[in-house]
PDB file of N, CA and C in Angstrom:
ATOM      1  N   MET A   1     201.120  36.921  79.149  1.00  0.00           N
ATOM      2  CA  MET A   1     200.885  38.299  79.500  1.00  0.00           C
ATOM      3  C   MET A   1     202.173  38.898  80.028  1.00  0.00           C
ATOM      4  N   LYS A   2     202.366  40.163  79.748  1.00  0.00           N
ATOM      5  CA  LYS A   2     203.626  40.814  80.067  1.00  0.00           C
ATOM      6  C   LYS A   2     203.533  41.715  81.296  1.00  0.00           C
ATOM      7  N   SER A   3     202.452  42.486  81.417  1.00  0.00           N
ATOM      8  CA  SER A   3     202.377  43.474  82.488  1.00  0.00           C
ATOM      9  C   SER A   3     200.938  43.676  82.947  1.00  0.00           C
ATOM     10  N   ASN A   4     200.758  43.924  84.250  1.00  0.00           N
ATOM     11  CA  ASN A   4     199.438  44.251  84.787  1.00  0.00           C
ATOM     12  C   ASN A   4     199.530  45.408  85.785  1.00  0.00           C
ATOM     13  N   LYS A   5     200.453  46.320  85.553  1.00  0.00           N
ATOM     14  CA  LYS A   5     200.700  47.402  86.505  1.00  0.00           C
ATOM     15  C   LYS A   5     199.581  48.438  86.535  1.00  0.00           C
ATOM     16  N   ALA A   6     198.970  48.715  85.397  1.00  0.00           N
ATOM     17  CA  ALA A   6     197.906  49.718  85.333  1.00  0.00           C
ATOM     18  C   ALA A   6     196.594  49.121  85.854  1.00  0.00           C
ATOM     19  N   ASP A   7     195.705  49.976  86.341  1.00  0.00           N
ATOM     20  CA  ASP A   7     194.419  49.524  86.861  1.00  0.00           C
ATOM     21  C   ASP A   7     193.495  49.145  85.704  1.00  0.00           C
ATOM     22  N   LYS A   8     192.955  47.926  85.758  1.00  0.00           N
ATOM     23  CA  LYS A   8     192.030  47.395  84.751  1.00  0.00           C
ATOM     24  C   LYS A   8     192.641  47.336  83.353  1.00  0.00           C
ATOM     25  N   SER A   9     193.961  47.267  83.259  1.00  0.00           N
ATOM     26  CA  SER A   9     194.635  47.185  81.965  1.00  0.00           C
ATOM     27  C   SER A   9     195.747  46.150  82.029  1.00  0.00           C
ATOM     28  N   ILE A  10     195.982  45.493  80.888  1.00  0.00           N
ATOM     29  CA  ILE A  10     197.086  44.547  80.783  1.00  0.00           C
ATOM     30  C   ILE A  10     197.802  44.783  79.461  1.00  0.00           C
ATOM     31  N   THR A  11     199.059  44.395  79.421  1.00  0.00           N
ATOM     32  CA  THR A  11     199.826  44.405  78.185  1.00  0.00           C
ATOM     33  C   THR A  11     200.094  42.964  77.811  1.00  0.00           C
ATOM     34  N   VAL A  12     199.636  42.575  76.632  1.00  0.00           N
ATOM     35  CA  VAL A  12     199.770  41.208  76.154  1.00  0.00           C
ATOM     36  C   VAL A  12     200.815  41.194  75.043  1.00  0.00           C
ATOM     37  N   THR A  13     201.777  40.287  75.139  1.00  0.00           N
ATOM     38  CA  THR A  13     202.809  40.155  74.123  1.00  0.00           C
ATOM     39  C   THR A  13     202.580  38.883  73.335  1.00  0.00           C
ATOM     40  N   VAL A  14     202.518  39.025  72.015  1.00  0.00           N
ATOM     41  CA  VAL A  14     202.348  37.894  71.113  1.00  0.00           C
ATOM     42  C   VAL A  14     203.673  37.681  70.391  1.00  0.00           C
ATOM     43  N   GLU A  15     204.193  36.460  70.475  1.00  0.00           N
ATOM     44  CA  GLU A  15     205.475  36.144  69.854  1.00  0.00           C
ATOM     45  C   GLU A  15     205.251  35.175  68.698  1.00  0.00           C
ATOM     46  N   ARG A  16     205.901  35.449  67.574  1.00  0.00           N
ATOM     47  CA  ARG A  16     205.791  34.553  66.428  1.00  0.00           C
ATOM     48  C   ARG A  16     207.165  34.389  65.804  1.00  0.00           C
ATOM     49  N   LYS A  17     207.356  33.279  65.090  1.00  0.00           N
ATOM     50  CA  LYS A  17     208.629  33.030  64.417  1.00  0.00           C
ATOM     51  C   LYS A  17     208.435  33.228  62.923  1.00  0.00           C
ATOM     52  N   VAL A  18     209.281  34.077  62.325  1.00  0.00           N
ATOM     53  CA  VAL A  18     209.197  34.415  60.912  1.00  0.00           C
ATOM     54  C   VAL A  18     210.524  34.036  60.265  1.00  0.00           C
ATOM     55  N   LYS A  19     210.441  33.420  59.103  1.00  0.00           N
ATOM     56  CA  LYS A  19     211.647  33.042  58.385  1.00  0.00           C
ATOM     57  C   LYS A  19     212.254  34.268  57.701  1.00  0.00           C
ATOM     58  N   HIS A  20     213.562  34.480  57.890  1.00  0.00           N
ATOM     59  CA  HIS A  20     214.256  35.608  57.270  1.00  0.00           C
ATOM     60  C   HIS A  20     214.266  35.414  55.753  1.00  0.00           C
ATOM     61  N   PRO A  21     213.916  36.463  54.987  1.00  0.00           N
ATOM     62  CA  PRO A  21     213.776  36.286  53.540  1.00  0.00           C
ATOM     63  C   PRO A  21     215.062  35.902  52.812  1.00  0.00           C
ATOM     64  N   ILE A  22     216.213  36.333  53.301  1.00  0.00           N
ATOM     65  CA  ILE A  22     217.469  36.041  52.610  1.00  0.00           C
ATOM     66  C   ILE A  22     218.216  34.876  53.261  1.00  0.00           C
ATOM     67  N   TYR A  23     218.384  34.945  54.586  1.00  0.00           N
ATOM     68  CA  TYR A  23     219.234  33.972  55.263  1.00  0.00           C
ATOM     69  C   TYR A  23     218.506  32.691  55.663  1.00  0.00           C
ATOM     70  N   GLY A  24     217.187  32.693  55.689  1.00  0.00           N
ATOM     71  CA  GLY A  24     216.432  31.477  55.981  1.00  0.00           C
ATOM     72  C   GLY A  24     216.322  31.132  57.447  1.00  0.00           C
ATOM     73  N   LYS A  25     216.963  31.890  58.308  1.00  0.00           N
ATOM     74  CA  LYS A  25     216.900  31.615  59.743  1.00  0.00           C
ATOM     75  C   LYS A  25     215.570  32.121  60.300  1.00  0.00           C
ATOM     76  N   PHE A  26     215.027  31.404  61.292  1.00  0.00           N
ATOM     77  CA  PHE A  26     213.784  31.839  61.922  1.00  0.00           C
ATOM     78  C   PHE A  26     214.092  32.870  62.999  1.00  0.00           C
ATOM     79  N   VAL A  27     213.400  34.001  62.946  1.00  0.00           N
ATOM     80  CA  VAL A  27     213.613  35.125  63.851  1.00  0.00           C
ATOM     81  C   VAL A  27     212.348  35.335  64.667  1.00  0.00           C
ATOM     82  N   LYS A  28     212.497  35.611  65.978  1.00  0.00           N
ATOM     83  CA  LYS A  28     211.344  35.895  66.837  1.00  0.00           C
ATOM     84  C   LYS A  28     210.899  37.335  66.642  1.00  0.00           C
ATOM     85  N   LYS A  29     209.617  37.524  66.375  1.00  0.00           N
ATOM     86  CA  LYS A  29     209.021  38.856  66.266  1.00  0.00           C
ATOM     87  C   LYS A  29     207.958  38.958  67.351  1.00  0.00           C
ATOM     88  N   THR A  30     207.916  40.078  68.059  1.00  0.00           N
ATOM     89  CA  THR A  30     206.922  40.260  69.110  1.00  0.00           C
ATOM     90  C   THR A  30     206.042  41.464  68.797  1.00  0.00           C
ATOM     91  N   THR A  31     204.784  41.363  69.217  1.00  0.00           N
ATOM     92  CA  THR A  31     203.823  42.447  69.078  1.00  0.00           C
ATOM     93  C   THR A  31     203.144  42.630  70.428  1.00  0.00           C
ATOM     94  N   SER A  32     203.003  43.872  70.874  1.00  0.00           N
ATOM     95  CA  SER A  32     202.359  44.148  72.152  1.00  0.00           C
ATOM     96  C   SER A  32     200.979  44.748  71.925  1.00  0.00           C
ATOM     97  N   PHE A  33     200.019  44.289  72.719  1.00  0.00           N
ATOM     98  CA  PHE A  33     198.655  44.808  72.685  1.00  0.00           C
ATOM     99  C   PHE A  33     198.286  45.272  74.083  1.00  0.00           C
ATOM    100  N   HIS A  34     197.604  46.417  74.179  1.00  0.00           N
ATOM    101  CA  HIS A  34     197.058  46.891  75.446  1.00  0.00           C
ATOM    102  C   HIS A  34     195.593  46.465  75.487  1.00  0.00           C
ATOM    103  N   ALA A  35     195.215  45.731  76.530  1.00  0.00           N
ATOM    104  CA  ALA A  35     193.865  45.182  76.621  1.00  0.00           C
ATOM    105  C   ALA A  35     193.207  45.597  77.931  1.00  0.00           C
ATOM    106  N   HIS A  36     191.874  45.607  77.923  1.00  0.00           N
ATOM    107  CA  HIS A  36     191.072  45.986  79.087  1.00  0.00           C
ATOM    108  C   HIS A  36     190.756  44.749  79.916  1.00  0.00           C
ATOM    109  N   ASP A  37     191.086  44.798  81.211  1.00  0.00           N
ATOM    110  CA  ASP A  37     190.843  43.697  82.144  1.00  0.00           C
ATOM    111  C   ASP A  37     189.935  44.235  83.252  1.00  0.00           C
ATOM    112  N   GLU A  38     188.631  44.081  83.082  1.00  0.00           N
ATOM    113  CA  GLU A  38     187.645  44.711  83.961  1.00  0.00           C
ATOM    114  C   GLU A  38     187.801  44.298  85.417  1.00  0.00           C
ATOM    115  N   LYS A  39     188.076  43.012  85.681  1.00  0.00           N
ATOM    116  CA  LYS A  39     188.109  42.499  87.066  1.00  0.00           C
ATOM    117  C   LYS A  39     189.511  42.408  87.648  1.00  0.00           C
ATOM    118  N   ASN A  40     190.527  42.866  86.930  1.00  0.00           N
ATOM    119  CA  ASN A  40     191.925  42.754  87.383  1.00  0.00           C
ATOM    120  C   ASN A  40     192.277  41.321  87.763  1.00  0.00           C
ATOM    121  N   GLU A  41     191.898  40.348  86.927  1.00  0.00           N
ATOM    122  CA  GLU A  41     192.096  38.946  87.265  1.00  0.00           C
ATOM    123  C   GLU A  41     193.393  38.357  86.742  1.00  0.00           C
ATOM    124  N   CYS A  42     194.137  39.081  85.911  1.00  0.00           N
ATOM    125  CA  CYS A  42     195.351  38.542  85.294  1.00  0.00           C
ATOM    126  C   CYS A  42     196.592  38.838  86.128  1.00  0.00           C
ATOM    127  N   THR A  43     197.545  37.918  86.036  1.00  0.00           N
ATOM    128  CA  THR A  43     198.859  38.124  86.632  1.00  0.00           C
ATOM    129  C   THR A  43     199.905  37.927  85.539  1.00  0.00           C
ATOM    130  N   ILE A  44     201.125  38.333  85.818  1.00  0.00           N
ATOM    131  CA  ILE A  44     202.196  38.235  84.832  1.00  0.00           C
ATOM    132  C   ILE A  44     202.500  36.763  84.563  1.00  0.00           C
ATOM    133  N   GLY A  45     202.588  36.407  83.295  1.00  0.00           N
ATOM    134  CA  GLY A  45     202.883  35.037  82.900  1.00  0.00           C
ATOM    135  C   GLY A  45     201.665  34.231  82.496  1.00  0.00           C
ATOM    136  N   ASP A  46     200.465  34.779  82.663  1.00  0.00           N
ATOM    137  CA  ASP A  46     199.242  34.076  82.254  1.00  0.00           C
ATOM    138  C   ASP A  46     199.166  34.006  80.730  1.00  0.00           C
ATOM    139  N   VAL A  47     198.531  32.946  80.250  1.00  0.00           N
ATOM    140  CA  VAL A  47     198.195  32.845  78.836  1.00  0.00           C
ATOM    141  C   VAL A  47     196.741  33.267  78.722  1.00  0.00           C
ATOM    142  N   VAL A  48     196.469  34.279  77.894  1.00  0.00           N
ATOM    143  CA  VAL A  48     195.132  34.862  77.840  1.00  0.00           C
ATOM    144  C   VAL A  48     194.609  34.890  76.406  1.00  0.00           C
ATOM    145  N   ARG A  49     193.291  35.052  76.284  1.00  0.00           N
ATOM    146  CA  ARG A  49     192.650  35.249  74.980  1.00  0.00           C
ATOM    147  C   ARG A  49     192.047  36.650  74.993  1.00  0.00           C
ATOM    148  N   ILE A  50     192.349  37.438  73.942  1.00  0.00           N
ATOM    149  CA  ILE A  50     191.820  38.798  73.848  1.00  0.00           C
ATOM    150  C   ILE A  50     191.041  38.926  72.545  1.00  0.00           C
ATOM    151  N   MET A  51     190.142  39.904  72.501  1.00  0.00           N
ATOM    152  CA  MET A  51     189.404  40.171  71.273  1.00  0.00           C
ATOM    153  C   MET A  51     189.380  41.669  71.007  1.00  0.00           C
ATOM    154  N   GLU A  52     189.242  42.019  69.745  1.00  0.00           N
ATOM    155  CA  GLU A  52     189.227  43.415  69.335  1.00  0.00           C
ATOM    156  C   GLU A  52     187.937  44.077  69.801  1.00  0.00           C
ATOM    157  N   SER A  53     188.032  45.349  70.169  1.00  0.00           N
ATOM    158  CA  SER A  53     186.845  46.094  70.602  1.00  0.00           C
ATOM    159  C   SER A  53     186.986  47.541  70.147  1.00  0.00           C
ATOM    160  N   ARG A  54     186.015  48.344  70.522  1.00  0.00           N
ATOM    161  CA  ARG A  54     186.081  49.769  70.199  1.00  0.00           C
ATOM    162  C   ARG A  54     187.235  50.409  70.979  1.00  0.00           C
ATOM    163  N   PRO A  55     187.733  51.556  70.554  1.00  0.00           N
ATOM    164  CA  PRO A  55     188.812  52.212  71.304  1.00  0.00           C
ATOM    165  C   PRO A  55     188.358  52.584  72.713  1.00  0.00           C
ATOM    166  N   LEU A  56     189.103  52.098  73.712  1.00  0.00           N
ATOM    167  CA  LEU A  56     188.776  52.374  75.112  1.00  0.00           C
ATOM    168  C   LEU A  56     189.641  53.488  75.682  1.00  0.00           C
ATOM    169  N   SER A  57     190.792  53.716  75.087  1.00  0.00           N
ATOM    170  CA  SER A  57     191.662  54.825  75.469  1.00  0.00           C
ATOM    171  C   SER A  57     192.573  55.103  74.283  1.00  0.00           C
ATOM    172  N   LYS A  58     193.609  55.873  74.517  1.00  0.00           N
ATOM    173  CA  LYS A  58     194.519  56.225  73.420  1.00  0.00           C
ATOM    174  C   LYS A  58     195.175  54.985  72.815  1.00  0.00           C
ATOM    175  N   THR A  59     195.535  54.001  73.630  1.00  0.00           N
ATOM    176  CA  THR A  59     196.241  52.815  73.127  1.00  0.00           C
ATOM    177  C   THR A  59     195.439  51.522  73.243  1.00  0.00           C
ATOM    178  N   LYS A  60     194.384  51.487  74.069  1.00  0.00           N
ATOM    179  CA  LYS A  60     193.634  50.244  74.298  1.00  0.00           C
ATOM    180  C   LYS A  60     192.555  50.044  73.239  1.00  0.00           C
ATOM    181  N   ARG A  61     192.713  48.977  72.437  1.00  0.00           N
ATOM    182  CA  ARG A  61     191.720  48.606  71.435  1.00  0.00           C
ATOM    183  C   ARG A  61     191.332  47.139  71.554  1.00  0.00           C
ATOM    184  N   TRP A  62     191.690  46.497  72.651  1.00  0.00           N
ATOM    185  CA  TRP A  62     191.430  45.070  72.860  1.00  0.00           C
ATOM    186  C   TRP A  62     190.827  44.880  74.237  1.00  0.00           C
ATOM    187  N   ARG A  63     190.127  43.756  74.433  1.00  0.00           N
ATOM    188  CA  ARG A  63     189.638  43.435  75.770  1.00  0.00           C
ATOM    189  C   ARG A  63     189.829  41.958  76.050  1.00  0.00           C
ATOM    190  N   LEU A  64     189.966  41.653  77.321  1.00  0.00           N
ATOM    191  CA  LEU A  64     190.220  40.279  77.770  1.00  0.00           C
ATOM    192  C   LEU A  64     188.947  39.447  77.639  1.00  0.00           C
ATOM    193  N   VAL A  65     189.076  38.248  77.041  1.00  0.00           N
ATOM    194  CA  VAL A  65     187.948  37.325  76.923  1.00  0.00           C
ATOM    195  C   VAL A  65     188.029  36.295  78.036  1.00  0.00           C
ATOM    196  N   GLU A  66     189.211  35.647  78.171  1.00  0.00           N
ATOM    197  CA  GLU A  66     189.372  34.630  79.210  1.00  0.00           C
ATOM    198  C   GLU A  66     190.839  34.415  79.507  1.00  0.00           C
ATOM    199  N   VAL A  67     191.098  33.862  80.676  1.00  0.00           N
ATOM    200  CA  VAL A  67     192.427  33.428  81.049  1.00  0.00           C
ATOM    201  C   VAL A  67     192.517  31.952  80.698  1.00  0.00           C
ATOM    202  N   VAL A  68     193.344  31.623  79.705  1.00  0.00           N
ATOM    203  CA  VAL A  68     193.451  30.238  79.251  1.00  0.00           C
ATOM    204  C   VAL A  68     194.246  29.404  80.246  1.00  0.00           C
ATOM    205  N   GLU A  69     195.368  29.952  80.729  1.00  0.00           N
ATOM    206  CA  GLU A  69     196.230  29.204  81.644  1.00  0.00           C
ATOM    207  C   GLU A  69     196.854  30.178  82.629  1.00  0.00           C
ATOM    208  N   LYS A  70     196.730  29.875  83.927  1.00  0.00           N
ATOM    209  CA  LYS A  70     197.330  30.721  84.959  1.00  0.00           C
ATOM    210  C   LYS A  70     198.823  30.456  85.043  1.00  0.00           C
ATOM    211  N   ALA A  71     199.580  31.470  85.480  1.00  0.00           N
ATOM    212  CA  ALA A  71     201.024  31.321  85.634  1.00  0.00           C
ATOM    213  C   ALA A  71     201.332  30.392  86.807  1.00  0.00           C
ATOM    214  N   LYS A  72     202.439  29.671  86.698  1.00  0.00           N
ATOM    215  CA  LYS A  72     202.810  28.716  87.748  1.00  0.00           C
ATOM    216  C   LYS A  72     203.687  29.364  88.781  1.00  0.00           C
TER     217      LYS A  72
END
């Protein structure tokens, strides 16, 4: 998880490695999702599971399912 500054909202960053089509080097690509956290239970650095839901605001289309691993 990347950010929990907003009330009942979190920003989740998903990182993946994609092979460059020409040079063959693996490049990190990141995608950010805004998710709904009803109980404000997440902190920065947590590993979380989110699922798609109906639009909750202009940018929020995901909601928190569970905290897989707490930050150390």
